[in-house]
PDB file of N, CA and C in Angstrom:
ATOM      1  N   UNK A   1     149.635 104.236  34.003  1.00  0.00           N
ATOM      2  CA  UNK A   1     148.235 103.572  34.220  1.00  0.00           C
ATOM      3  C   UNK A   1     147.896 103.583  35.717  1.00  0.00           C
ATOM      4  N   UNK A   2     146.626 103.954  35.916  1.00  0.00           N
ATOM      5  CA  UNK A   2     146.123 104.153  37.200  1.00  0.00           C
ATOM      6  C   UNK A   2     145.381 102.929  37.537  1.00  0.00           C
ATOM      7  N   UNK A   3     145.695 102.493  38.769  1.00  0.00           N
ATOM      8  CA  UNK A   3     144.945 101.206  39.213  1.00  0.00           C
ATOM      9  C   UNK A   3     144.189 101.629  40.460  1.00  0.00           C
ATOM     10  N   UNK A   4     142.897 101.511  40.559  1.00  0.00           N
ATOM     11  CA  UNK A   4     142.059 101.812  41.772  1.00  0.00           C
ATOM     12  C   UNK A   4     141.525 100.632  42.419  1.00  0.00           C
ATOM     13  N   UNK A   5     141.839 100.585  43.811  1.00  0.00           N
ATOM     14  CA  UNK A   5     141.269  99.558  44.432  1.00  0.00           C
ATOM     15  C   UNK A   5     139.633  99.642  44.389  1.00  0.00           C
ATOM     16  N   UNK A   6     139.133  98.425  44.338  1.00  0.00           N
ATOM     17  CA  UNK A   6     137.586  98.507  44.370  1.00  0.00           C
ATOM     18  C   UNK A   6     136.985  99.102  45.613  1.00  0.00           C
ATOM     19  N   UNK A   7     136.187  99.997  45.503  1.00  0.00           N
ATOM     20  CA  UNK A   7     135.549 100.733  46.625  1.00  0.00           C
ATOM     21  C   UNK A   7     134.516  99.981  47.134  1.00  0.00           C
ATOM     22  N   UNK A   8     134.462  99.551  48.292  1.00  0.00           N
ATOM     23  CA  UNK A   8     133.434  98.571  48.959  1.00  0.00           C
ATOM     24  C   UNK A   8     133.205  99.443  50.299  1.00  0.00           C
ATOM     25  N   UNK A   9     131.905  99.232  50.928  1.00  0.00           N
ATOM     26  CA  UNK A   9     131.631  99.876  52.065  1.00  0.00           C
ATOM     27  C   UNK A   9     131.053  98.980  53.177  1.00  0.00           C
ATOM     28  N   UNK A  10     131.193  99.041  54.331  1.00  0.00           N
ATOM     29  CA  UNK A  10     130.676  98.395  55.408  1.00  0.00           C
ATOM     30  C   UNK A  10     130.424  99.072  56.409  1.00  0.00           C
ATOM     31  N   UNK A  11     129.284  98.845  57.288  1.00  0.00           N
ATOM     32  CA  UNK A  11     129.128  99.873  58.508  1.00  0.00           C
ATOM     33  C   UNK A  11     129.697  98.983  59.785  1.00  0.00           C
ATOM     34  N   UNK A  12     130.578  99.891  60.497  1.00  0.00           N
ATOM     35  CA  UNK A  12     131.223  99.296  61.679  1.00  0.00           C
ATOM     36  C   UNK A  12     130.336  99.214  62.868  1.00  0.00           C
ATOM     37  N   UNK A  13     130.684  98.788  63.927  1.00  0.00           N
ATOM     38  CA  UNK A  13     129.909  98.656  65.250  1.00  0.00           C
ATOM     39  C   UNK A  13     129.402  99.962  65.561  1.00  0.00           C
ATOM     40  N   UNK A  14     129.938 101.052  65.148  1.00  0.00           N
ATOM     41  CA  UNK A  14     129.404 102.527  65.805  1.00  0.00           C
ATOM     42  C   UNK A  14     128.298 102.965  64.685  1.00  0.00           C
ATOM     43  N   UNK A  15     128.060 102.057  63.604  1.00  0.00           N
ATOM     44  CA  UNK A  15     127.140 102.582  62.517  1.00  0.00           C
ATOM     45  C   UNK A  15     127.735 103.569  61.453  1.00  0.00           C
ATOM     46  N   UNK A  16     129.239 103.718  61.617  1.00  0.00           N
ATOM     47  CA  UNK A  16     129.842 104.472  60.605  1.00  0.00           C
ATOM     48  C   UNK A  16     130.217 103.816  59.276  1.00  0.00           C
ATOM     49  N   UNK A  17     130.076 104.244  58.169  1.00  0.00           N
ATOM     50  CA  UNK A  17     130.347 103.802  56.901  1.00  0.00           C
ATOM     51  C   UNK A  17     131.943 103.619  56.688  1.00  0.00           C
ATOM     52  N   UNK A  18     132.333 102.693  56.451  1.00  0.00           N
ATOM     53  CA  UNK A  18     133.849 102.546  56.290  1.00  0.00           C
ATOM     54  C   UNK A  18     134.248 101.814  54.972  1.00  0.00           C
ATOM     55  N   UNK A  19     135.235 102.312  54.306  1.00  0.00           N
ATOM     56  CA  UNK A  19     135.619 101.502  53.144  1.00  0.00           C
ATOM     57  C   UNK A  19     136.547 100.338  53.537  1.00  0.00           C
ATOM     58  N   UNK A  20     136.536  99.280  52.619  1.00  0.00           N
ATOM     59  CA  UNK A  20     137.380  98.224  52.934  1.00  0.00           C
ATOM     60  C   UNK A  20     137.810  97.388  51.628  1.00  0.00           C
ATOM     61  N   UNK A  21     138.775  96.664  51.638  1.00  0.00           N
ATOM     62  CA  UNK A  21     139.205  95.691  50.403  1.00  0.00           C
ATOM     63  C   UNK A  21     139.073  94.311  51.085  1.00  0.00           C
ATOM     64  N   UNK A  22     138.595  93.523  50.207  1.00  0.00           N
ATOM     65  CA  UNK A  22     138.773  92.078  50.396  1.00  0.00           C
ATOM     66  C   UNK A  22     139.899  91.526  49.922  1.00  0.00           C
ATOM     67  N   UNK A  23     140.642  90.878  50.790  1.00  0.00           N
ATOM     68  CA  UNK A  23     142.021  90.157  50.359  1.00  0.00           C
ATOM     69  C   UNK A  23     142.190  88.877  50.742  1.00  0.00           C
ATOM     70  N   UNK A  24     142.290  87.824  49.999  1.00  0.00           N
ATOM     71  CA  UNK A  24     142.476  86.506  50.522  1.00  0.00           C
ATOM     72  C   UNK A  24     141.424  86.118  51.700  1.00  0.00           C
ATOM     73  N   UNK A  25     140.128  86.443  51.370  1.00  0.00           N
ATOM     74  CA  UNK A  25     139.025  86.099  52.267  1.00  0.00           C
ATOM     75  C   UNK A  25     139.080  86.842  53.545  1.00  0.00           C
ATOM     76  N   UNK A  26     139.824  87.927  53.689  1.00  0.00           N
ATOM     77  CA  UNK A  26     139.818  88.581  55.006  1.00  0.00           C
ATOM     78  C   UNK A  26     139.586  90.148  54.664  1.00  0.00           C
ATOM     79  N   UNK A  27     139.216  90.844  55.502  1.00  0.00           N
ATOM     80  CA  UNK A  27     138.858  92.179  55.415  1.00  0.00           C
ATOM     81  C   UNK A  27     140.112  93.130  55.973  1.00  0.00           C
ATOM     82  N   UNK A  28     140.727  93.866  55.117  1.00  0.00           N
ATOM     83  CA  UNK A  28     141.590  94.931  55.372  1.00  0.00           C
ATOM     84  C   UNK A  28     141.150  96.224  55.424  1.00  0.00           C
ATOM     85  N   UNK A  29     141.009  97.017  56.728  1.00  0.00           N
ATOM     86  CA  UNK A  29     140.433  98.311  56.733  1.00  0.00           C
ATOM     87  C   UNK A  29     141.338  99.333  56.276  1.00  0.00           C
ATOM     88  N   UNK A  30     140.739 100.383  55.716  1.00  0.00           N
ATOM     89  CA  UNK A  30     141.393 101.596  55.327  1.00  0.00           C
ATOM     90  C   UNK A  30     140.493 102.794  55.804  1.00  0.00           C
ATOM     91  N   UNK A  31     141.415 103.876  56.148  1.00  0.00           N
ATOM     92  CA  UNK A  31     140.739 105.159  56.536  1.00  0.00           C
ATOM     93  C   UNK A  31     140.183 105.811  55.201  1.00  0.00           C
ATOM     94  N   UNK A  32     140.787 105.591  53.953  1.00  0.00           N
ATOM     95  CA  UNK A  32     140.372 106.048  52.747  1.00  0.00           C
ATOM     96  C   UNK A  32     140.606 105.177  51.621  1.00  0.00           C
ATOM     97  N   UNK A  33     139.937 105.288  50.727  1.00  0.00           N
ATOM     98  CA  UNK A  33     140.185 104.529  49.375  1.00  0.00           C
ATOM     99  C   UNK A  33     141.319 105.124  48.665  1.00  0.00           C
ATOM    100  N   UNK A  34     142.325 104.536  48.198  1.00  0.00           N
ATOM    101  CA  UNK A  34     143.516 104.974  47.562  1.00  0.00           C
ATOM    102  C   UNK A  34     143.715 104.425  46.177  1.00  0.00           C
ATOM    103  N   UNK A  35     144.450 105.130  45.366  1.00  0.00           N
ATOM    104  CA  UNK A  35     144.690 104.759  43.944  1.00  0.00           C
ATOM    105  C   UNK A  35     146.084 104.445  43.937  1.00  0.00           C
ATOM    106  N   UNK A  36     146.408 103.302  43.352  1.00  0.00           N
ATOM    107  CA  UNK A  36     147.876 102.854  43.193  1.00  0.00           C
ATOM    108  C   UNK A  36     148.158 103.307  41.763  1.00  0.00           C
ATOM    109  N   UNK A  37     149.348 103.903  41.763  1.00  0.00           N
ATOM    110  CA  UNK A  37     150.059 104.206  40.489  1.00  0.00           C
ATOM    111  C   UNK A  37     151.478 103.562  40.528  1.00  0.00           C
ATOM    112  N   UNK A  38     151.813 102.973  39.448  1.00  0.00           N
ATOM    113  CA  UNK A  38     153.046 102.265  39.294  1.00  0.00           C
ATOM    114  C   UNK A  38     153.917 102.939  38.158  1.00  0.00           C
ATOM    115  N   UNK A  39     155.288 103.161  38.648  1.00  0.00           N
ATOM    116  CA  UNK A  39     156.291 103.822  37.754  1.00  0.00           C
ATOM    117  C   UNK A  39     156.849 102.667  36.825  1.00  0.00           C
ATOM    118  N   UNK A  40     157.440 103.031  35.737  1.00  0.00           N
ATOM    119  CA  UNK A  40     158.211 101.936  34.922  1.00  0.00           C
ATOM    120  C   UNK A  40     159.355 101.272  35.843  1.00  0.00           C
ATOM    121  N   UNK A  41     159.902 102.069  36.531  1.00  0.00           N
ATOM    122  CA  UNK A  41     160.990 101.526  37.434  1.00  0.00           C
ATOM    123  C   UNK A  41     160.587 100.456  38.412  1.00  0.00           C
ATOM    124  N   UNK A  42     159.249 100.433  38.907  1.00  0.00           N
ATOM    125  CA  UNK A  42     158.666  99.437  39.777  1.00  0.00           C
ATOM    126  C   UNK A  42     158.749  98.015  39.009  1.00  0.00           C
ATOM    127  N   UNK A  43     158.850  98.071  37.622  1.00  0.00           N
ATOM    128  CA  UNK A  43     158.825  96.788  36.947  1.00  0.00           C
ATOM    129  C   UNK A  43     160.019  96.091  36.693  1.00  0.00           C
ATOM    130  N   UNK A  44     161.216  97.094  36.874  1.00  0.00           N
ATOM    131  CA  UNK A  44     162.585  96.779  36.406  1.00  0.00           C
ATOM    132  C   UNK A  44     163.135  95.442  36.827  1.00  0.00           C
ATOM    133  N   UNK A  45     162.678  94.992  38.136  1.00  0.00           N
ATOM    134  CA  UNK A  45     163.306  93.633  38.648  1.00  0.00           C
ATOM    135  C   UNK A  45     162.427  92.550  38.263  1.00  0.00           C
ATOM    136  N   UNK A  46     161.375  92.685  37.454  1.00  0.00           N
ATOM    137  CA  UNK A  46     160.674  91.535  37.103  1.00  0.00           C
ATOM    138  C   UNK A  46     159.614  90.885  38.148  1.00  0.00           C
ATOM    139  N   UNK A  47     159.374  91.637  39.167  1.00  0.00           N
ATOM    140  CA  UNK A  47     158.527  91.249  40.124  1.00  0.00           C
ATOM    141  C   UNK A  47     157.049  91.512  39.682  1.00  0.00           C
ATOM    142  N   UNK A  48     156.056  90.629  39.768  1.00  0.00           N
ATOM    143  CA  UNK A  48     154.638  90.737  39.293  1.00  0.00           C
ATOM    144  C   UNK A  48     154.097  91.834  40.390  1.00  0.00           C
ATOM    145  N   UNK A  49     153.153  92.701  39.766  1.00  0.00           N
ATOM    146  CA  UNK A  49     152.574  93.661  40.619  1.00  0.00           C
ATOM    147  C   UNK A  49     151.552  93.001  41.591  1.00  0.00           C
ATOM    148  N   UNK A  50     150.982  91.855  41.280  1.00  0.00           N
ATOM    149  CA  UNK A  50     150.156  91.279  42.245  1.00  0.00           C
ATOM    150  C   UNK A  50     151.151  90.842  43.616  1.00  0.00           C
ATOM    151  N   UNK A  51     152.306  90.498  43.338  1.00  0.00           N
ATOM    152  CA  UNK A  51     153.171  90.162  44.388  1.00  0.00           C
ATOM    153  C   UNK A  51     153.537  91.444  45.185  1.00  0.00           C
ATOM    154  N   UNK A  52     153.702  92.503  44.460  1.00  0.00           N
ATOM    155  CA  UNK A  52     153.997  93.702  45.188  1.00  0.00           C
ATOM    156  C   UNK A  52     152.744  94.182  46.119  1.00  0.00           C
ATOM    157  N   UNK A  53     151.780  94.063  45.461  1.00  0.00           N
ATOM    158  CA  UNK A  53     150.456  94.515  46.227  1.00  0.00           C
ATOM    159  C   UNK A  53     150.237  93.553  47.494  1.00  0.00           C
ATOM    160  N   UNK A  54     150.528  92.275  47.248  1.00  0.00           N
ATOM    161  CA  UNK A  54     150.467  91.332  48.418  1.00  0.00           C
ATOM    162  C   UNK A  54     151.469  91.637  49.528  1.00  0.00           C
ATOM    163  N   UNK A  55     152.701  92.097  49.102  1.00  0.00           N
ATOM    164  CA  UNK A  55     153.550  92.511  50.122  1.00  0.00           C
ATOM    165  C   UNK A  55     153.176  93.831  50.861  1.00  0.00           C
ATOM    166  N   UNK A  56     152.522  94.700  50.189  1.00  0.00           N
ATOM    167  CA  UNK A  56     152.046  96.048  50.755  1.00  0.00           C
ATOM    168  C   UNK A  56     150.937  95.718  51.743  1.00  0.00           C
ATOM    169  N   UNK A  57     149.996  94.886  51.356  1.00  0.00           N
ATOM    170  CA  UNK A  57     148.785  94.523  52.078  1.00  0.00           C
ATOM    171  C   UNK A  57     149.026  93.585  53.476  1.00  0.00           C
ATOM    172  N   UNK A  58     150.254  92.904  53.326  1.00  0.00           N
ATOM    173  CA  UNK A  58     150.683  91.809  54.293  1.00  0.00           C
ATOM    174  C   UNK A  58     152.073  92.210  55.066  1.00  0.00           C
ATOM    175  N   UNK A  59     152.253  93.452  54.970  1.00  0.00           N
ATOM    176  CA  UNK A  59     153.757  93.970  55.221  1.00  0.00           C
ATOM    177  C   UNK A  59     154.065  93.508  56.647  1.00  0.00           C
ATOM    178  N   UNK A  60     155.393  92.935  56.889  1.00  0.00           N
ATOM    179  CA  UNK A  60     155.839  92.651  58.204  1.00  0.00           C
ATOM    180  C   UNK A  60     156.584  94.021  58.881  1.00  0.00           C
ATOM    181  N   UNK A  61     156.950  94.933  57.798  1.00  0.00           N
ATOM    182  CA  UNK A  61     157.555  96.183  58.250  1.00  0.00           C
ATOM    183  C   UNK A  61     157.057  97.270  57.358  1.00  0.00           C
ATOM    184  N   UNK A  62     156.695  98.441  57.907  1.00  0.00           N
ATOM    185  CA  UNK A  62     156.533  99.622  57.263  1.00  0.00           C
ATOM    186  C   UNK A  62     157.222 100.827  57.982  1.00  0.00           C
ATOM    187  N   UNK A  63     157.952 101.305  57.113  1.00  0.00           N
ATOM    188  CA  UNK A  63     158.939 102.528  57.651  1.00  0.00           C
ATOM    189  C   UNK A  63     158.695 103.763  56.867  1.00  0.00           C
ATOM    190  N   UNK A  64     157.659 104.475  57.517  1.00  0.00           N
ATOM    191  CA  UNK A  64     157.258 105.581  56.853  1.00  0.00           C
ATOM    192  C   UNK A  64     158.503 106.695  56.768  1.00  0.00           C
ATOM    193  N   UNK A  65     158.650 107.339  55.581  1.00  0.00           N
ATOM    194  CA  UNK A  65     159.675 108.442  55.418  1.00  0.00           C
ATOM    195  C   UNK A  65     161.081 107.895  55.718  1.00  0.00           C
ATOM    196  N   UNK A  66     161.398 106.759  55.349  1.00  0.00           N
ATOM    197  CA  UNK A  66     162.512 106.120  55.748  1.00  0.00           C
ATOM    198  C   UNK A  66     163.826 106.776  55.190  1.00  0.00           C
ATOM    199  N   UNK A  67     163.760 107.372  53.954  1.00  0.00           N
ATOM    200  CA  UNK A  67     164.941 107.874  53.218  1.00  0.00           C
ATOM    201  C   UNK A  67     164.619 109.158  52.883  1.00  0.00           C
ATOM    202  N   UNK A  68     165.673 109.848  52.207  1.00  0.00           N
ATOM    203  CA  UNK A  68     165.438 111.260  51.836  1.00  0.00           C
ATOM    204  C   UNK A  68     164.766 111.038  50.434  1.00  0.00           C
ATOM    205  N   UNK A  69     164.062 112.089  49.918  1.00  0.00           N
ATOM    206  CA  UNK A  69     163.438 112.006  48.548  1.00  0.00           C
ATOM    207  C   UNK A  69     164.633 111.814  47.519  1.00  0.00           C
ATOM    208  N   UNK A  70     164.292 110.998  46.500  1.00  0.00           N
ATOM    209  CA  UNK A  70     165.173 110.788  45.415  1.00  0.00           C
ATOM    210  C   UNK A  70     165.009 111.698  44.265  1.00  0.00           C
ATOM    211  N   UNK A  71     163.908 112.328  44.323  1.00  0.00           N
ATOM    212  CA  UNK A  71     163.585 113.414  43.274  1.00  0.00           C
ATOM    213  C   UNK A  71     163.382 114.599  44.007  1.00  0.00           C
ATOM    214  N   UNK A  72     164.001 115.800  43.545  1.00  0.00           N
ATOM    215  CA  UNK A  72     163.660 117.103  44.285  1.00  0.00           C
ATOM    216  C   UNK A  72     162.222 117.317  44.117  1.00  0.00           C
ATOM    217  N   UNK A  73     161.584 117.925  45.224  1.00  0.00           N
ATOM    218  CA  UNK A  73     160.269 118.387  45.221  1.00  0.00           C
ATOM    219  C   UNK A  73     159.334 117.209  45.485  1.00  0.00           C
ATOM    220  N   UNK A  74     159.838 115.896  45.637  1.00  0.00           N
ATOM    221  CA  UNK A  74     159.026 114.876  45.946  1.00  0.00           C
ATOM    222  C   UNK A  74     159.063 114.582  47.408  1.00  0.00           C
ATOM    223  N   UNK A  75     157.985 113.781  48.076  1.00  0.00           N
ATOM    224  CA  UNK A  75     158.116 113.520  49.450  1.00  0.00           C
ATOM    225  C   UNK A  75     159.025 112.344  49.879  1.00  0.00           C
ATOM    226  N   UNK A  76     159.161 112.176  51.104  1.00  0.00           N
ATOM    227  CA  UNK A  76     160.085 111.060  51.547  1.00  0.00           C
ATOM    228  C   UNK A  76     159.628 109.735  51.282  1.00  0.00           C
ATOM    229  N   UNK A  77     160.171 108.878  50.922  1.00  0.00           N
ATOM    230  CA  UNK A  77     159.593 107.525  50.476  1.00  0.00           C
ATOM    231  C   UNK A  77     159.349 106.583  51.632  1.00  0.00           C
ATOM    232  N   UNK A  78     158.359 105.759  51.475  1.00  0.00           N
ATOM    233  CA  UNK A  78     158.064 104.649  52.494  1.00  0.00           C
ATOM    234  C   UNK A  78     158.768 103.337  52.187  1.00  0.00           C
ATOM    235  N   UNK A  79     159.145 102.648  53.127  1.00  0.00           N
ATOM    236  CA  UNK A  79     159.680 101.253  52.731  1.00  0.00           C
ATOM    237  C   UNK A  79     158.561 100.174  53.282  1.00  0.00           C
ATOM    238  N   UNK A  80     158.402  99.125  52.561  1.00  0.00           N
ATOM    239  CA  UNK A  80     157.533  98.067  53.010  1.00  0.00           C
ATOM    240  C   UNK A  80     158.333  96.873  52.810  1.00  0.00           C
ATOM    241  N   UNK A  81     158.288  95.843  53.734  1.00  0.00           N
ATOM    242  CA  UNK A  81     158.861  94.579  53.576  1.00  0.00           C
ATOM    243  C   UNK A  81     157.702  93.622  53.877  1.00  0.00           C
ATOM    244  N   UNK A  82     157.488  92.795  52.733  1.00  0.00           N
ATOM    245  CA  UNK A  82     156.338  91.891  52.986  1.00  0.00           C
ATOM    246  C   UNK A  82     156.695  90.667  52.081  1.00  0.00           C
ATOM    247  N   UNK A  83     155.712  89.611  52.237  1.00  0.00           N
ATOM    248  CA  UNK A  83     155.815  88.329  51.506  1.00  0.00           C
ATOM    249  C   UNK A  83     155.119  88.240  50.172  1.00  0.00           C
ATOM    250  N   UNK A  84     155.768  87.545  49.130  1.00  0.00           N
ATOM    251  CA  UNK A  84     154.990  87.363  48.002  1.00  0.00           C
ATOM    252  C   UNK A  84     153.862  86.457  48.282  1.00  0.00           C
ATOM    253  N   UNK A  85     153.017  86.269  47.043  1.00  0.00           N
ATOM    254  CA  UNK A  85     151.890  85.404  47.087  1.00  0.00           C
ATOM    255  C   UNK A  85     152.380  83.950  47.374  1.00  0.00           C
ATOM    256  N   UNK A  86     153.340  83.377  46.903  1.00  0.00           N
ATOM    257  CA  UNK A  86     153.817  81.990  47.016  1.00  0.00           C
ATOM    258  C   UNK A  86     154.537  81.685  48.358  1.00  0.00           C
ATOM    259  N   UNK A  87     154.068  80.791  49.026  1.00  0.00           N
ATOM    260  CA  UNK A  87     154.400  80.287  50.458  1.00  0.00           C
ATOM    261  C   UNK A  87     156.005  80.043  50.251  1.00  0.00           C
ATOM    262  N   UNK A  88     156.642  80.651  51.281  1.00  0.00           N
ATOM    263  CA  UNK A  88     158.194  80.369  51.241  1.00  0.00           C
ATOM    264  C   UNK A  88     159.038  81.113  50.271  1.00  0.00           C
ATOM    265  N   UNK A  89     158.426  82.020  49.384  1.00  0.00           N
ATOM    266  CA  UNK A  89     159.085  82.852  48.397  1.00  0.00           C
ATOM    267  C   UNK A  89     159.907  83.895  49.081  1.00  0.00           C
ATOM    268  N   UNK A  90     160.992  84.459  48.684  1.00  0.00           N
ATOM    269  CA  UNK A  90     161.812  85.531  49.456  1.00  0.00           C
ATOM    270  C   UNK A  90     160.711  86.817  49.647  1.00  0.00           C
ATOM    271  N   UNK A  91     161.020  87.567  50.758  1.00  0.00           N
ATOM    272  CA  UNK A  91     160.367  88.654  50.922  1.00  0.00           C
ATOM    273  C   UNK A  91     160.634  89.699  50.002  1.00  0.00           C
ATOM    274  N   UNK A  92     159.745  90.738  49.893  1.00  0.00           N
ATOM    275  CA  UNK A  92     159.901  91.870  48.795  1.00  0.00           C
ATOM    276  C   UNK A  92     160.261  93.035  49.652  1.00  0.00           C
ATOM    277  N   UNK A  93     161.004  94.061  49.019  1.00  0.00           N
ATOM    278  CA  UNK A  93     161.032  95.406  49.479  1.00  0.00           C
ATOM    279  C   UNK A  93     160.287  96.141  48.427  1.00  0.00           C
ATOM    280  N   UNK A  94     159.409  97.154  48.924  1.00  0.00           N
ATOM    281  CA  UNK A  94     158.590  97.861  48.054  1.00  0.00           C
ATOM    282  C   UNK A  94     158.798  99.342  48.598  1.00  0.00           C
ATOM    283  N   UNK A  95     159.053 100.231  47.673  1.00  0.00           N
ATOM    284  CA  UNK A  95     159.214 101.572  48.196  1.00  0.00           C
ATOM    285  C   UNK A  95     158.022 102.368  47.425  1.00  0.00           C
ATOM    286  N   UNK A  96     157.374 103.294  48.221  1.00  0.00           N
ATOM    287  CA  UNK A  96     156.194 103.985  47.729  1.00  0.00           C
ATOM    288  C   UNK A  96     156.299 105.536  48.157  1.00  0.00           C
ATOM    289  N   UNK A  97     155.647 106.362  47.443  1.00  0.00           N
ATOM    290  CA  UNK A  97     155.564 107.648  47.808  1.00  0.00           C
ATOM    291  C   UNK A  97     154.119 108.105  47.796  1.00  0.00           C
ATOM    292  N   UNK A  98     153.650 108.761  48.941  1.00  0.00           N
ATOM    293  CA  UNK A  98     152.239 109.146  49.062  1.00  0.00           C
ATOM    294  C   UNK A  98     152.092 110.473  48.211  1.00  0.00           C
ATOM    295  N   UNK A  99     151.196 110.495  47.430  1.00  0.00           N
ATOM    296  CA  UNK A  99     150.911 111.811  46.670  1.00  0.00           C
ATOM    297  C   UNK A  99     149.584 112.357  47.031  1.00  0.00           C
ATOM    298  N   UNK A 100     149.397 113.445  47.501  1.00  0.00           N
ATOM    299  CA  UNK A 100     148.101 113.884  47.924  1.00  0.00           C
ATOM    300  C   UNK A 100     147.248 114.048  46.792  1.00  0.00           C
ATOM    301  N   UNK A 101     145.868 113.872  46.866  1.00  0.00           N
ATOM    302  CA  UNK A 101     145.121 113.612  48.190  1.00  0.00           C
ATOM    303  C   UNK A 101     145.235 112.256  48.684  1.00  0.00           C
ATOM    304  N   UNK A 102     145.107 111.277  47.722  1.00  0.00           N
ATOM    305  CA  UNK A 102     144.885 109.723  48.150  1.00  0.00           C
ATOM    306  C   UNK A 102     145.638 108.890  47.173  1.00  0.00           C
ATOM    307  N   UNK A 103     146.629 109.256  46.531  1.00  0.00           N
ATOM    308  CA  UNK A 103     147.373 108.347  45.529  1.00  0.00           C
ATOM    309  C   UNK A 103     148.653 107.881  46.412  1.00  0.00           C
ATOM    310  N   UNK A 104     148.922 106.436  46.007  1.00  0.00           N
ATOM    311  CA  UNK A 104     150.295 105.949  46.408  1.00  0.00           C
ATOM    312  C   UNK A 104     150.857 105.572  45.183  1.00  0.00           C
ATOM    313  N   UNK A 105     152.133 106.045  45.037  1.00  0.00           N
ATOM    314  CA  UNK A 105     153.055 105.764  43.951  1.00  0.00           C
ATOM    315  C   UNK A 105     154.034 104.707  44.229  1.00  0.00           C
ATOM    316  N   UNK A 106     153.902 103.561  43.552  1.00  0.00           N
ATOM    317  CA  UNK A 106     155.016 102.511  43.750  1.00  0.00           C
ATOM    318  C   UNK A 106     155.949 102.781  42.638  1.00  0.00           C
ATOM    319  N   UNK A 107     157.220 103.043  43.271  1.00  0.00           N
ATOM    320  CA  UNK A 107     158.404 103.141  42.288  1.00  0.00           C
ATOM    321  C   UNK A 107     159.553 102.233  42.188  1.00  0.00           C
ATOM    322  N   UNK A 108     159.362 101.212  43.469  1.00  0.00           N
ATOM    323  CA  UNK A 108     160.625 100.420  43.501  1.00  0.00           C
ATOM    324  C   UNK A 108     159.930  99.004  43.992  1.00  0.00           C
ATOM    325  N   UNK A 109     160.313  97.981  43.415  1.00  0.00           N
ATOM    326  CA  UNK A 109     159.922  96.615  43.922  1.00  0.00           C
ATOM    327  C   UNK A 109     161.017  95.729  43.603  1.00  0.00           C
ATOM    328  N   UNK A 110     161.476  94.774  44.611  1.00  0.00           N
ATOM    329  CA  UNK A 110     162.492  93.925  44.153  1.00  0.00           C
ATOM    330  C   UNK A 110     162.670  92.891  45.569  1.00  0.00           C
ATOM    331  N   UNK A 111     163.459  91.857  45.405  1.00  0.00           N
ATOM    332  CA  UNK A 111     163.699  90.950  46.369  1.00  0.00           C
ATOM    333  C   UNK A 111     164.265  91.715  47.644  1.00  0.00           C
ATOM    334  N   UNK A 112     163.902  91.527  48.834  1.00  0.00           N
ATOM    335  CA  UNK A 112     164.406  92.291  49.854  1.00  0.00           C
ATOM    336  C   UNK A 112     165.950  92.192  50.129  1.00  0.00           C
ATOM    337  N   UNK A 113     166.763  93.158  50.220  1.00  0.00           N
ATOM    338  CA  UNK A 113     168.249  92.994  50.484  1.00  0.00           C
ATOM    339  C   UNK A 113     168.351  92.905  51.869  1.00  0.00           C
ATOM    340  N   UNK A 114     169.740  92.436  52.117  1.00  0.00           N
ATOM    341  CA  UNK A 114     170.006  92.235  53.519  1.00  0.00           C
ATOM    342  C   UNK A 114     169.927  93.308  54.411  1.00  0.00           C
ATOM    343  N   UNK A 115     170.297  94.524  54.068  1.00  0.00           N
ATOM    344  CA  UNK A 115     170.360  95.686  54.863  1.00  0.00           C
ATOM    345  C   UNK A 115     168.864  96.007  55.214  1.00  0.00           C
ATOM    346  N   UNK A 116     167.793  95.842  54.400  1.00  0.00           N
ATOM    347  CA  UNK A 116     166.586  95.911  54.853  1.00  0.00           C
ATOM    348  C   UNK A 116     165.998  94.885  55.724  1.00  0.00           C
ATOM    349  N   UNK A 117     166.280  93.584  55.358  1.00  0.00           N
ATOM    350  CA  UNK A 117     165.845  92.559  56.191  1.00  0.00           C
ATOM    351  C   UNK A 117     166.389  92.663  57.731  1.00  0.00           C
ATOM    352  N   UNK A 118     167.493  93.341  57.682  1.00  0.00           N
ATOM    353  CA  UNK A 118     168.137  93.401  59.086  1.00  0.00           C
ATOM    354  C   UNK A 118     167.193  94.343  59.915  1.00  0.00           C
ATOM    355  N   UNK A 119     166.337  95.306  59.317  1.00  0.00           N
ATOM    356  CA  UNK A 119     165.351  96.022  60.081  1.00  0.00           C
ATOM    357  C   UNK A 119     164.215  95.265  60.729  1.00  0.00           C
ATOM    358  N   UNK A 120     164.082  93.958  60.149  1.00  0.00           N
ATOM    359  CA  UNK A 120     163.089  93.090  60.824  1.00  0.00           C
ATOM    360  C   UNK A 120     163.504  92.767  62.253  1.00  0.00           C
ATOM    361  N   UNK A 121     164.743  92.538  62.335  1.00  0.00           N
ATOM    362  CA  UNK A 121     165.260  92.161  63.625  1.00  0.00           C
ATOM    363  C   UNK A 121     165.113  93.345  64.797  1.00  0.00           C
ATOM    364  N   UNK A 122     165.204  94.476  64.317  1.00  0.00           N
ATOM    365  CA  UNK A 122     164.890  95.546  65.302  1.00  0.00           C
ATOM    366  C   UNK A 122     163.566  95.718  65.779  1.00  0.00           C
ATOM    367  N   UNK A 123     162.748  95.199  64.990  1.00  0.00           N
ATOM    368  CA  UNK A 123     161.339  95.367  65.505  1.00  0.00           C
ATOM    369  C   UNK A 123     160.893  94.545  66.673  1.00  0.00           C
TER     370      UNK A 123
END
């Protein structure tokens, strides 16, 4: 199933048209509008997709290409550590793969493990 963020446009101070997404009454800027795709494995741990999306949009840590590809011929996955929608809920680890031209494949979502939480201390 393909989920596409709503395409909205605003002019910046230079007069250039830029896409944006409204999230919790604040504007998150993007260089391009992307399509989010979810694998069945992303749902394995019972985390709601809305919480995973919230973690991506409000990430405390983004590690691009943090690990070797898990499937031959695929790109290196990105790691995101971010909060759920519920205040005080445990942080989530979300793993994605960027698929050209503008897709982001979410293939892993679960409560953040200690080995990834330790990366927050390094920042």
